[in-house]
N, C-alpha and C. Protein backbone atom coordinates (compact mmCIF):
# COMPACT_ATOMS: atom_id res chain seq x y z
N UNK A 1 -14.77 0.46 -12.22
CA UNK A 1 -15.49 1.60 -12.72
C UNK A 1 -16.31 2.23 -11.60
N UNK A 2 -16.20 3.55 -11.43
CA UNK A 2 -16.92 4.28 -10.38
C UNK A 2 -18.10 5.01 -11.01
N UNK A 3 -19.30 4.89 -10.39
CA UNK A 3 -20.46 5.62 -10.92
C UNK A 3 -20.19 7.13 -10.97
N UNK A 4 -20.72 7.79 -11.98
CA UNK A 4 -20.53 9.21 -12.22
C UNK A 4 -20.91 10.07 -11.00
N UNK A 5 -22.02 9.75 -10.36
CA UNK A 5 -22.52 10.56 -9.24
C UNK A 5 -21.56 10.58 -8.06
N UNK A 6 -20.78 9.53 -7.88
CA UNK A 6 -19.86 9.49 -6.74
C UNK A 6 -18.73 10.50 -6.89
N UNK A 7 -18.46 10.98 -8.07
CA UNK A 7 -17.44 12.01 -8.25
C UNK A 7 -17.89 13.34 -7.66
N UNK A 8 -19.19 13.54 -7.50
CA UNK A 8 -19.74 14.82 -7.04
C UNK A 8 -20.50 14.73 -5.72
N UNK A 9 -20.69 13.55 -5.20
CA UNK A 9 -21.45 13.37 -3.95
C UNK A 9 -20.65 13.91 -2.77
N UNK A 10 -21.33 14.59 -1.88
CA UNK A 10 -20.72 15.12 -0.67
C UNK A 10 -21.56 14.71 0.52
N UNK A 11 -20.95 14.54 1.67
CA UNK A 11 -21.73 14.22 2.87
C UNK A 11 -22.69 15.35 3.21
N UNK A 12 -23.83 14.99 3.76
CA UNK A 12 -24.82 15.99 4.17
C UNK A 12 -24.26 16.83 5.31
N UNK A 13 -24.51 18.12 5.27
CA UNK A 13 -24.05 19.02 6.32
C UNK A 13 -25.07 18.98 7.45
N UNK A 14 -24.59 18.75 8.66
CA UNK A 14 -25.46 18.72 9.83
C UNK A 14 -25.48 20.12 10.44
N UNK A 15 -26.65 20.73 10.46
CA UNK A 15 -26.79 22.06 11.04
C UNK A 15 -27.24 21.93 12.49
N UNK A 16 -26.58 22.66 13.36
CA UNK A 16 -26.98 22.64 14.76
C UNK A 16 -27.91 23.82 15.02
N UNK A 17 -29.14 23.51 15.37
CA UNK A 17 -30.13 24.56 15.65
C UNK A 17 -30.94 24.15 16.86
N UNK A 18 -31.17 25.09 17.72
CA UNK A 18 -31.97 24.84 18.91
C UNK A 18 -33.43 25.19 18.60
N UNK A 19 -34.31 24.25 18.83
CA UNK A 19 -35.73 24.49 18.61
C UNK A 19 -36.33 25.00 19.92
N UNK A 20 -36.99 26.16 19.88
CA UNK A 20 -37.52 26.74 21.12
C UNK A 20 -38.82 26.10 21.59
N UNK A 21 -39.21 24.97 21.03
CA UNK A 21 -40.43 24.29 21.44
C UNK A 21 -40.21 22.78 21.39
N UNK A 22 -41.08 22.04 22.09
CA UNK A 22 -41.02 20.58 22.12
C UNK A 22 -42.43 20.03 21.86
N UNK A 23 -42.50 18.80 21.40
CA UNK A 23 -43.79 18.17 21.13
C UNK A 23 -44.35 17.60 22.43
N UNK A 24 -45.60 17.93 22.72
CA UNK A 24 -46.30 17.39 23.88
C UNK A 24 -47.29 16.35 23.37
N UNK A 25 -47.02 15.08 23.66
CA UNK A 25 -47.87 14.01 23.13
C UNK A 25 -49.26 14.02 23.76
N UNK A 26 -49.40 14.55 24.96
CA UNK A 26 -50.71 14.63 25.60
C UNK A 26 -51.62 15.64 24.89
N UNK A 27 -51.06 16.79 24.58
CA UNK A 27 -51.82 17.83 23.86
C UNK A 27 -51.80 17.61 22.35
N UNK A 28 -50.82 16.84 21.89
CA UNK A 28 -50.57 16.62 20.47
C UNK A 28 -50.31 17.95 19.76
N UNK A 29 -49.54 18.80 20.44
CA UNK A 29 -49.15 20.10 19.93
C UNK A 29 -47.71 20.39 20.31
N UNK A 30 -47.09 21.31 19.61
CA UNK A 30 -45.79 21.81 20.03
C UNK A 30 -46.02 22.88 21.08
N UNK A 31 -45.26 22.78 22.18
CA UNK A 31 -45.39 23.74 23.26
C UNK A 31 -44.03 24.38 23.54
N UNK A 32 -44.08 25.64 23.99
CA UNK A 32 -42.87 26.34 24.39
C UNK A 32 -42.40 25.78 25.74
N UNK A 33 -41.19 26.14 26.13
CA UNK A 33 -40.64 25.63 27.37
C UNK A 33 -41.43 26.08 28.60
N UNK A 34 -42.18 27.20 28.48
CA UNK A 34 -43.00 27.65 29.60
C UNK A 34 -44.41 27.04 29.59
N UNK A 35 -44.69 26.13 28.63
CA UNK A 35 -45.97 25.43 28.59
C UNK A 35 -47.00 26.00 27.65
N UNK A 36 -46.76 27.19 27.07
CA UNK A 36 -47.72 27.78 26.13
C UNK A 36 -47.65 27.06 24.79
N UNK A 37 -48.77 27.04 24.07
CA UNK A 37 -48.82 26.43 22.75
C UNK A 37 -47.95 27.25 21.79
N UNK A 38 -47.04 26.59 21.09
CA UNK A 38 -46.08 27.28 20.22
C UNK A 38 -46.78 28.01 19.07
N UNK A 39 -47.86 27.46 18.56
CA UNK A 39 -48.57 28.09 17.44
C UNK A 39 -49.23 29.40 17.84
N UNK A 40 -49.38 29.66 19.13
CA UNK A 40 -49.98 30.90 19.60
C UNK A 40 -48.97 32.01 19.83
N UNK A 41 -47.68 31.71 19.68
CA UNK A 41 -46.64 32.71 19.88
C UNK A 41 -46.34 33.39 18.56
N UNK A 42 -46.90 34.59 18.37
CA UNK A 42 -46.79 35.30 17.09
C UNK A 42 -45.35 35.66 16.74
N UNK A 43 -44.55 36.01 17.74
CA UNK A 43 -43.15 36.34 17.48
C UNK A 43 -42.39 35.12 16.96
N UNK A 44 -42.66 33.97 17.53
CA UNK A 44 -42.02 32.73 17.08
C UNK A 44 -42.44 32.39 15.66
N UNK A 45 -43.71 32.54 15.35
CA UNK A 45 -44.20 32.25 14.00
C UNK A 45 -43.62 33.23 12.97
N UNK A 46 -43.45 34.49 13.36
CA UNK A 46 -42.83 35.45 12.44
C UNK A 46 -41.38 35.07 12.16
N UNK A 47 -40.69 34.56 13.19
CA UNK A 47 -39.28 34.21 13.03
C UNK A 47 -39.10 32.91 12.27
N UNK A 48 -39.88 31.88 12.59
CA UNK A 48 -39.71 30.56 11.99
C UNK A 48 -40.64 30.29 10.81
N UNK A 49 -41.75 31.00 10.74
CA UNK A 49 -42.71 30.77 9.66
C UNK A 49 -43.77 29.75 10.02
N UNK A 50 -43.40 28.73 10.79
CA UNK A 50 -44.34 27.68 11.20
C UNK A 50 -43.71 26.86 12.30
N UNK A 51 -44.49 26.05 12.97
CA UNK A 51 -43.97 25.12 13.97
C UNK A 51 -44.27 23.71 13.48
N UNK A 52 -43.36 23.13 12.77
CA UNK A 52 -43.56 21.81 12.22
C UNK A 52 -43.44 20.76 13.31
N UNK A 53 -44.39 19.88 13.40
CA UNK A 53 -44.38 18.82 14.39
C UNK A 53 -43.37 17.76 13.99
N UNK A 54 -42.68 17.19 14.97
CA UNK A 54 -41.73 16.13 14.69
C UNK A 54 -42.33 14.76 14.93
N UNK A 55 -43.60 14.70 15.33
CA UNK A 55 -44.26 13.42 15.55
C UNK A 55 -44.83 12.92 14.24
N UNK A 56 -44.47 11.72 13.88
CA UNK A 56 -45.00 11.14 12.64
C UNK A 56 -44.46 11.85 11.42
N UNK A 57 -45.32 12.28 10.57
CA UNK A 57 -44.94 12.91 9.31
C UNK A 57 -44.48 14.34 9.50
N UNK A 58 -43.51 14.78 8.70
CA UNK A 58 -43.02 16.15 8.75
C UNK A 58 -43.96 17.12 8.05
N UNK A 59 -45.09 16.63 7.55
CA UNK A 59 -46.00 17.51 6.82
C UNK A 59 -47.12 18.06 7.69
N UNK A 60 -47.17 17.68 8.97
CA UNK A 60 -48.22 18.17 9.85
C UNK A 60 -47.79 19.46 10.51
N UNK A 61 -48.69 20.43 10.58
CA UNK A 61 -48.38 21.72 11.18
C UNK A 61 -49.36 21.99 12.33
N UNK A 62 -48.89 22.68 13.33
CA UNK A 62 -49.72 22.99 14.49
C UNK A 62 -50.57 24.23 14.31
N UNK A 63 -50.26 25.06 13.33
CA UNK A 63 -50.98 26.33 13.25
C UNK A 63 -52.06 26.22 12.26
């Protein structure tokens, strides 16, 4: 007997996206590749909505 959910389960789709910022553990902030703080880039925030930190919990925001 096969569980009902397995009839409809699908593998998760992996989306390839380039993040224009990286986490700087020294500053404890996301920074752009040129060293500026990502939360200070208004164009980036308009495009992405926020800069979610990848350190620890996904609920922390830099802005």
